[in-house]
Amino acid sequence: MLAPMTPADPVPPGLPVVRTVSGYPGGPEWLGRLPDLIGELAERWELVPGEPFAGGSVSWVAPVRRADGSDAVLKVSWPHREAAGEGEALRLWDGRGAVRLYEHDAGRYALLLERCAPGTELGRAAELPAEERLLAGAEVLRELWSTPVPPDAGLETVAEVTAGWADLAEGRMARLRPAGFDPALVALGVRLLRELPGTAAREAVVHGDLNPGNVLSAGRRPWLAVDAKPMTGDPLYDPWPLVEQIGYAFGQPVPRDVVAARCSLVAGALGEDAGRLTAWAAARRVESALWAVAEGGDLEAGKAMMAQVRTLADLAGL
């Protein structure tokens, strides 16, 4: 008989997913159905859930015990575009670089996953130098990208997603005309978002959100990826969040040199071109800067990001 793990309240009001999704159209209704959904999945997959993890702004995630006594993780996401392909990508990766997929209910956006233990985030592994963590993240990417892309993958493409971002960025710039935003740099970023996917030397199943919080220490492999927003296309879309956020490159005394060295380190470990990695960084930074102003109302953050775009563009020779 399994020892009980089930929490008294499977969806406590303090969870980030509750705070976030309650503001979405239809969100309160989905949250109201969530406890029953968790119960149905637990019964079908023979699980005993524990207290939910505190992270996850658009998904409910909790440790579970399976019928054979092994540990796993149950993830139920708010139905949205970026989460739609996660189960398929995990099936394709089959444990190479990412957590294993045990069960998948696509209609309910529900996944039963391998549990990472101890589960330390790569970004929080402060006992390791930044360079070691960057190389660990690069090894995860190398494994993810080693999976052949099937013709019927059914995933969005990088080209589709970034073309949409280019349109949004262009529209936001025309509508808002934010002070401190160089129109030529914005135009460069928009052009790169449209053109880079079509000039890739190869394609891969990309993670889509490989920031250092989505790489966890594990037992089967030193590090495994979680929380993918997968696409197919240019693999060099993926590395920038690692380069930027591990040790926060732009927070260093001489950020240009640090950014250049880290882009070179990661690109070299992946056997890829550092200039192309940096061009992708510039393109993504322009989109983020305009998002910060349009959606976050933070002009100062947007201006700071545009200053970073200038550095990235110069390093890429653009």
Protein backbone atom coordinates (compact mmCIF):
# COMPACT_ATOMS: atom_id res chain seq x y z
CA MET A 1 0.00 0.00 0.00
CA LEU A 2 1.45 3.38 -0.98
CA ALA A 3 1.81 5.91 1.80
CA PRO A 4 -0.56 8.85 1.22
CA MET A 5 0.97 11.95 -0.38
CA THR A 6 -2.15 13.73 -1.58
CA PRO A 7 -2.24 17.34 -0.37
CA ALA A 8 -5.36 18.67 1.31
CA ASP A 9 -5.63 21.44 -1.29
CA PRO A 10 -4.06 20.44 -4.63
CA VAL A 11 -4.36 23.98 -6.02
CA PRO A 12 -3.57 26.43 -3.19
CA PRO A 13 -4.29 30.08 -4.04
CA GLY A 14 -0.65 31.14 -3.61
CA LEU A 15 0.60 29.14 -6.58
CA PRO A 16 1.98 31.29 -9.43
CA VAL A 17 -0.24 29.47 -11.93
CA VAL A 18 -3.30 30.59 -9.97
CA ARG A 19 -2.21 34.21 -9.92
CA THR A 20 -1.31 34.22 -13.61
CA VAL A 21 -4.10 32.19 -15.19
CA SER A 22 -6.86 33.76 -13.12
CA GLY A 23 -6.33 36.91 -15.21
CA TYR A 24 -6.77 35.12 -18.55
CA PRO A 25 -10.10 34.82 -20.37
CA GLY A 26 -11.52 31.50 -19.25
CA GLY A 27 -8.76 31.14 -16.68
CA PRO A 28 -10.90 31.05 -13.53
CA GLU A 29 -13.07 28.34 -15.07
CA TRP A 30 -10.02 26.23 -15.96
CA LEU A 31 -8.61 26.68 -12.46
CA GLY A 32 -11.97 25.61 -11.05
CA ARG A 33 -11.80 22.37 -13.06
CA LEU A 34 -8.14 21.74 -12.28
CA PRO A 35 -8.59 19.76 -9.01
CA ASP A 36 -10.96 17.33 -10.71
CA LEU A 37 -8.61 17.05 -13.69
CA ILE A 38 -5.69 16.25 -11.39
CA GLY A 39 -7.81 13.60 -9.68
CA GLU A 40 -8.86 12.03 -12.98
CA LEU A 41 -5.26 11.86 -14.21
CA ALA A 42 -4.06 10.44 -10.89
CA GLU A 43 -6.68 7.70 -11.07
CA ARG A 44 -6.03 6.84 -14.73
CA TRP A 45 -2.22 6.77 -14.38
CA GLU A 46 -2.29 5.31 -10.84
CA LEU A 47 -0.55 8.19 -9.13
CA VAL A 48 -0.44 9.60 -5.64
CA PRO A 49 0.29 13.35 -5.90
CA GLY A 50 2.29 15.36 -3.40
CA GLU A 51 2.39 19.08 -2.67
CA PRO A 52 2.68 21.07 -5.91
CA PHE A 53 5.94 22.81 -6.72
CA ALA A 54 5.90 26.58 -6.25
CA GLY A 55 7.22 27.36 -9.76
CA GLY A 56 5.36 27.39 -13.04
CA SER A 57 3.40 30.48 -14.04
CA VAL A 58 1.11 28.71 -16.54
CA SER A 59 1.22 25.10 -15.36
CA TRP A 60 0.49 23.02 -12.27
CA VAL A 61 3.42 20.74 -11.46
CA ALA A 62 3.77 18.29 -8.58
CA PRO A 63 5.80 15.26 -7.52
CA VAL A 64 3.86 12.01 -7.72
CA ARG A 65 4.40 8.41 -6.73
CA ARG A 66 3.56 5.77 -9.33
CA ALA A 67 1.94 2.41 -8.66
CA ASP A 68 5.34 0.67 -8.69
CA GLY A 69 6.60 3.06 -6.00
CA SER A 70 8.81 5.10 -8.33
CA ASP A 71 8.86 8.87 -8.37
CA ALA A 72 7.66 11.03 -11.26
CA VAL A 73 6.26 14.51 -11.94
CA LEU A 74 2.76 15.37 -13.11
CA LYS A 75 2.45 18.56 -15.17
CA VAL A 76 -0.87 20.05 -16.28
CA SER A 77 -0.60 23.22 -18.36
CA TRP A 78 -3.03 25.98 -19.11
CA PRO A 79 -3.90 25.21 -22.76
CA HIS A 80 -1.79 27.56 -24.86
CA ARG A 81 0.21 27.57 -28.06
CA GLU A 82 3.70 27.25 -26.58
CA ALA A 83 2.77 24.17 -24.52
CA ALA A 84 1.07 22.28 -27.33
CA GLY A 85 4.21 20.59 -28.66
CA GLU A 86 5.99 19.73 -25.43
CA GLY A 87 4.81 16.14 -25.25
CA GLU A 88 5.71 15.41 -28.87
CA ALA A 89 9.19 16.91 -28.48
CA LEU A 90 9.82 14.84 -25.35
CA ARG A 91 8.71 11.74 -27.26
CA LEU A 92 11.15 12.56 -30.05
CA TRP A 93 14.04 13.28 -27.68
CA ASP A 94 13.30 10.02 -25.80
CA GLY A 95 15.41 11.02 -22.81
CA ARG A 96 18.34 12.42 -24.82
CA GLY A 97 19.08 15.71 -23.09
CA ALA A 98 15.60 16.05 -21.62
CA VAL A 99 13.41 14.34 -19.04
CA ARG A 100 11.69 11.18 -20.19
CA LEU A 101 8.00 11.20 -21.02
CA TYR A 102 5.99 8.43 -19.34
CA GLU A 103 2.42 9.43 -20.24
CA HIS A 104 0.81 12.16 -22.33
CA ASP A 105 -2.77 13.44 -22.65
CA ALA A 106 -2.51 16.02 -25.43
CA GLY A 107 -6.13 17.15 -25.14
CA ARG A 108 -5.68 18.00 -21.48
CA TYR A 109 -2.14 19.36 -21.81
CA ALA A 110 -1.04 16.80 -19.23
CA LEU A 111 2.35 15.10 -18.99
CA LEU A 112 3.74 12.45 -16.67
CA LEU A 113 7.48 12.98 -16.56
CA GLU A 114 10.73 11.64 -15.18
CA ARG A 115 11.64 13.36 -11.94
CA CYS A 116 15.02 15.07 -11.71
CA ALA A 117 16.85 14.55 -8.42
CA PRO A 118 18.31 16.53 -6.80
CA GLY A 119 16.76 18.94 -9.32
CA THR A 120 19.06 21.94 -8.78
CA GLU A 121 18.63 24.58 -11.49
CA LEU A 122 21.75 25.15 -13.57
CA GLY A 123 21.43 28.87 -12.89
CA ARG A 124 21.55 28.26 -9.14
CA ALA A 125 24.54 25.91 -9.14
CA ALA A 126 26.74 28.72 -7.83
CA GLU A 127 29.47 26.29 -6.74
CA LEU A 128 30.32 25.83 -10.43
CA PRO A 129 32.10 28.56 -12.41
CA ALA A 130 30.01 30.22 -15.09
CA GLU A 131 32.10 28.63 -17.82
CA GLU A 132 31.43 25.11 -16.49
CA ARG A 133 27.71 25.79 -16.35
CA LEU A 134 27.74 27.16 -19.88
CA LEU A 135 29.49 24.04 -21.13
CA ALA A 136 26.99 21.86 -19.24
CA GLY A 137 24.13 23.71 -20.91
CA ALA A 138 25.82 23.36 -24.29
CA GLU A 139 26.08 19.59 -23.77
CA VAL A 140 22.34 19.44 -23.09
CA LEU A 141 21.71 21.35 -26.32
CA ARG A 142 24.04 19.05 -28.24
CA GLU A 143 21.99 16.05 -27.07
CA LEU A 144 18.66 17.68 -27.88
CA TRP A 145 19.81 18.68 -31.35
CA SER A 146 21.09 15.16 -32.11
CA THR A 147 17.53 13.93 -32.62
CA PRO A 148 16.60 13.72 -36.32
CA VAL A 149 13.69 15.94 -37.32
CA PRO A 150 10.93 13.75 -38.79
CA PRO A 151 8.94 15.12 -41.72
CA ASP A 152 5.72 14.80 -39.70
CA ALA A 153 6.96 16.26 -36.41
CA GLY A 154 3.83 18.41 -36.11
CA LEU A 155 5.74 21.16 -34.28
CA GLU A 156 5.80 24.85 -35.08
CA THR A 157 8.84 26.06 -36.97
CA VAL A 158 11.28 28.70 -35.79
CA ALA A 159 10.56 30.57 -39.04
CA GLU A 160 6.82 30.73 -38.31
CA VAL A 161 7.29 31.91 -34.74
CA THR A 162 9.94 34.54 -35.40
CA ALA A 163 8.12 35.90 -38.45
CA GLY A 164 5.19 36.56 -36.13
CA TRP A 165 7.50 38.24 -33.65
CA ALA A 166 8.92 40.41 -36.43
CA ASP A 167 5.44 41.60 -37.34
CA LEU A 168 4.65 42.34 -33.69
CA ALA A 169 7.91 44.20 -33.13
CA GLU A 170 7.42 46.26 -36.27
CA GLY A 171 3.88 47.17 -35.26
CA ARG A 172 4.88 48.06 -31.70
CA MET A 173 7.69 50.29 -32.89
CA ALA A 174 5.39 52.12 -35.31
CA ARG A 175 2.65 52.55 -32.71
CA LEU A 176 4.70 53.42 -29.63
CA ARG A 177 7.84 55.07 -31.04
CA PRO A 178 9.55 54.58 -27.64
CA ALA A 179 12.16 57.15 -26.69
CA GLY A 180 15.72 55.84 -26.83
CA PHE A 181 14.96 53.13 -29.41
CA ASP A 182 17.19 53.43 -32.47
CA PRO A 183 14.90 52.78 -35.49
CA ALA A 184 17.82 51.35 -37.48
CA LEU A 185 18.60 48.81 -34.74
CA VAL A 186 14.94 47.84 -34.47
CA ALA A 187 14.80 47.40 -38.25
CA LEU A 188 17.92 45.21 -38.05
CA GLY A 189 16.35 43.01 -35.40
CA VAL A 190 13.13 42.69 -37.39
CA ARG A 191 15.08 41.74 -40.51
CA LEU A 192 17.09 39.14 -38.62
CA LEU A 193 13.95 37.58 -37.13
CA ARG A 194 12.65 37.10 -40.65
CA GLU A 195 15.86 36.10 -42.40
CA LEU A 196 17.92 34.02 -39.97
CA PRO A 197 15.66 30.93 -40.02
CA GLY A 198 15.96 30.65 -43.79
CA THR A 199 19.76 30.71 -43.82
CA ALA A 200 20.37 27.93 -41.28
CA ALA A 201 22.88 25.25 -42.26
CA ARG A 202 20.75 22.57 -40.61
CA GLU A 203 17.61 22.10 -38.58
CA ALA A 204 16.91 20.49 -35.24
CA VAL A 205 14.18 20.02 -32.68
CA VAL A 206 14.97 23.12 -30.62
CA HIS A 207 14.02 23.51 -26.98
CA GLY A 208 12.71 27.04 -27.40
CA ASP A 209 13.27 28.24 -23.82
CA LEU A 210 16.58 26.85 -22.60
CA ASN A 211 17.20 29.39 -19.87
CA PRO A 212 19.30 28.13 -16.92
CA GLY A 213 16.17 27.61 -14.82
CA ASN A 214 15.00 24.96 -17.27
CA VAL A 215 18.09 22.76 -16.91
CA LEU A 216 18.02 20.58 -13.79
CA SER A 217 20.55 18.31 -12.12
CA ALA A 218 19.55 14.67 -12.37
CA GLY A 219 20.71 11.15 -11.59
CA ARG A 220 20.50 9.52 -15.01
CA ARG A 221 22.45 12.38 -16.62
CA PRO A 222 24.26 15.26 -14.90
CA TRP A 223 21.75 17.77 -16.37
CA LEU A 224 18.41 17.43 -18.14
CA ALA A 225 16.15 19.96 -19.84
CA VAL A 226 12.55 20.60 -18.80
CA ASP A 227 9.72 22.97 -19.80
CA ALA A 228 10.35 23.02 -23.54
CA LYS A 229 8.52 25.34 -25.92
CA PRO A 230 9.67 23.26 -28.88
CA MET A 231 9.99 24.14 -32.54
CA THR A 232 11.89 22.79 -35.49
CA GLY A 233 14.47 24.89 -37.30
CA ASP A 234 17.75 26.69 -36.75
CA PRO A 235 19.38 25.26 -33.61
CA LEU A 236 21.24 28.52 -32.94
CA TYR A 237 17.96 30.06 -31.87
CA ASP A 238 18.43 28.18 -28.56
CA PRO A 239 21.69 29.19 -26.78
CA TRP A 240 21.24 32.90 -26.02
CA PRO A 241 19.32 32.60 -22.70
CA LEU A 242 22.12 30.44 -21.30
CA VAL A 243 24.84 32.86 -22.43
CA GLU A 244 23.01 35.89 -21.11
CA GLN A 245 21.69 34.61 -17.79
CA ILE A 246 24.43 32.36 -16.40
CA GLY A 247 26.52 34.79 -14.41
CA TYR A 248 24.55 37.60 -16.12
CA ALA A 249 26.99 38.56 -18.84
CA PHE A 250 25.75 42.15 -19.16
CA GLY A 251 26.24 42.73 -15.45
CA GLN A 252 30.01 42.17 -15.64
CA PRO A 253 32.51 45.07 -15.44
CA VAL A 254 33.38 44.81 -19.15
CA PRO A 255 30.23 43.21 -20.58
CA ARG A 256 31.26 43.32 -24.23
CA ASP A 257 34.32 41.15 -23.60
CA VAL A 258 32.38 38.72 -21.42
CA VAL A 259 29.55 38.37 -23.93
CA ALA A 260 32.05 37.80 -26.75
CA ALA A 261 34.00 35.20 -24.77
CA ARG A 262 30.90 33.31 -23.67
CA CYS A 263 29.33 33.28 -27.13
CA SER A 264 32.63 31.94 -28.47
CA LEU A 265 32.83 29.31 -25.72
CA VAL A 266 29.31 27.99 -26.26
CA ALA A 267 29.50 28.13 -30.05
CA GLY A 268 32.81 26.27 -29.98
CA ALA A 269 31.41 23.56 -27.71
CA LEU A 270 28.51 23.12 -30.11
CA GLY A 271 30.62 23.25 -33.27
CA GLU A 272 28.66 26.29 -34.43
CA ASP A 273 29.40 29.85 -35.58
CA ALA A 274 29.67 32.43 -32.77
CA GLY A 275 28.68 35.26 -35.11
CA ARG A 276 25.41 33.57 -35.99
CA LEU A 277 24.70 32.84 -32.31
CA THR A 278 25.26 36.54 -31.55
CA ALA A 279 23.05 37.62 -34.47
CA TRP A 280 20.23 35.53 -33.02
CA ALA A 281 20.85 37.19 -29.65
CA ALA A 282 20.48 40.64 -31.21
CA ALA A 283 17.27 39.64 -32.99
CA ARG A 284 15.70 38.16 -29.86
CA ARG A 285 16.79 41.16 -27.76
CA VAL A 286 14.98 43.61 -30.05
CA GLU A 287 11.77 41.60 -29.70
CA SER A 288 12.21 41.46 -25.90
CA ALA A 289 12.85 45.21 -25.66
CA LEU A 290 9.66 46.09 -27.49
CA TRP A 291 7.71 43.51 -25.49
CA ALA A 292 8.98 45.12 -22.27
CA VAL A 293 7.54 48.48 -23.34
CA ALA A 294 4.32 47.27 -24.95
CA GLU A 295 3.32 44.57 -22.47
CA GLY A 296 5.31 45.41 -19.36
CA GLY A 297 5.12 49.19 -19.57
CA ASP A 298 8.82 49.39 -18.70
CA LEU A 299 10.54 51.91 -20.97
CA GLU A 300 13.78 51.90 -18.98
CA ALA A 301 14.13 48.14 -19.25
CA GLY A 302 13.47 48.37 -22.97
CA LYS A 303 16.10 51.06 -23.43
CA ALA A 304 18.66 49.00 -21.50
CA MET A 305 17.97 46.04 -23.77
CA MET A 306 18.40 48.20 -26.87
CA ALA A 307 21.83 49.26 -25.60
CA GLN A 308 22.65 45.56 -25.38
CA VAL A 309 21.44 45.09 -28.97
CA ARG A 310 24.09 47.58 -30.13
CA THR A 311 26.80 45.49 -28.43
CA LEU A 312 25.45 42.24 -29.86
CA ALA A 313 25.13 43.67 -33.37
CA ASP A 314 28.71 44.95 -33.25
CA LEU A 315 29.99 41.57 -32.07
CA ALA A 316 28.10 39.86 -34.89
CA GLY A 317 29.61 42.26 -37.41
CA LEU A 318 26.21 43.66 -38.37
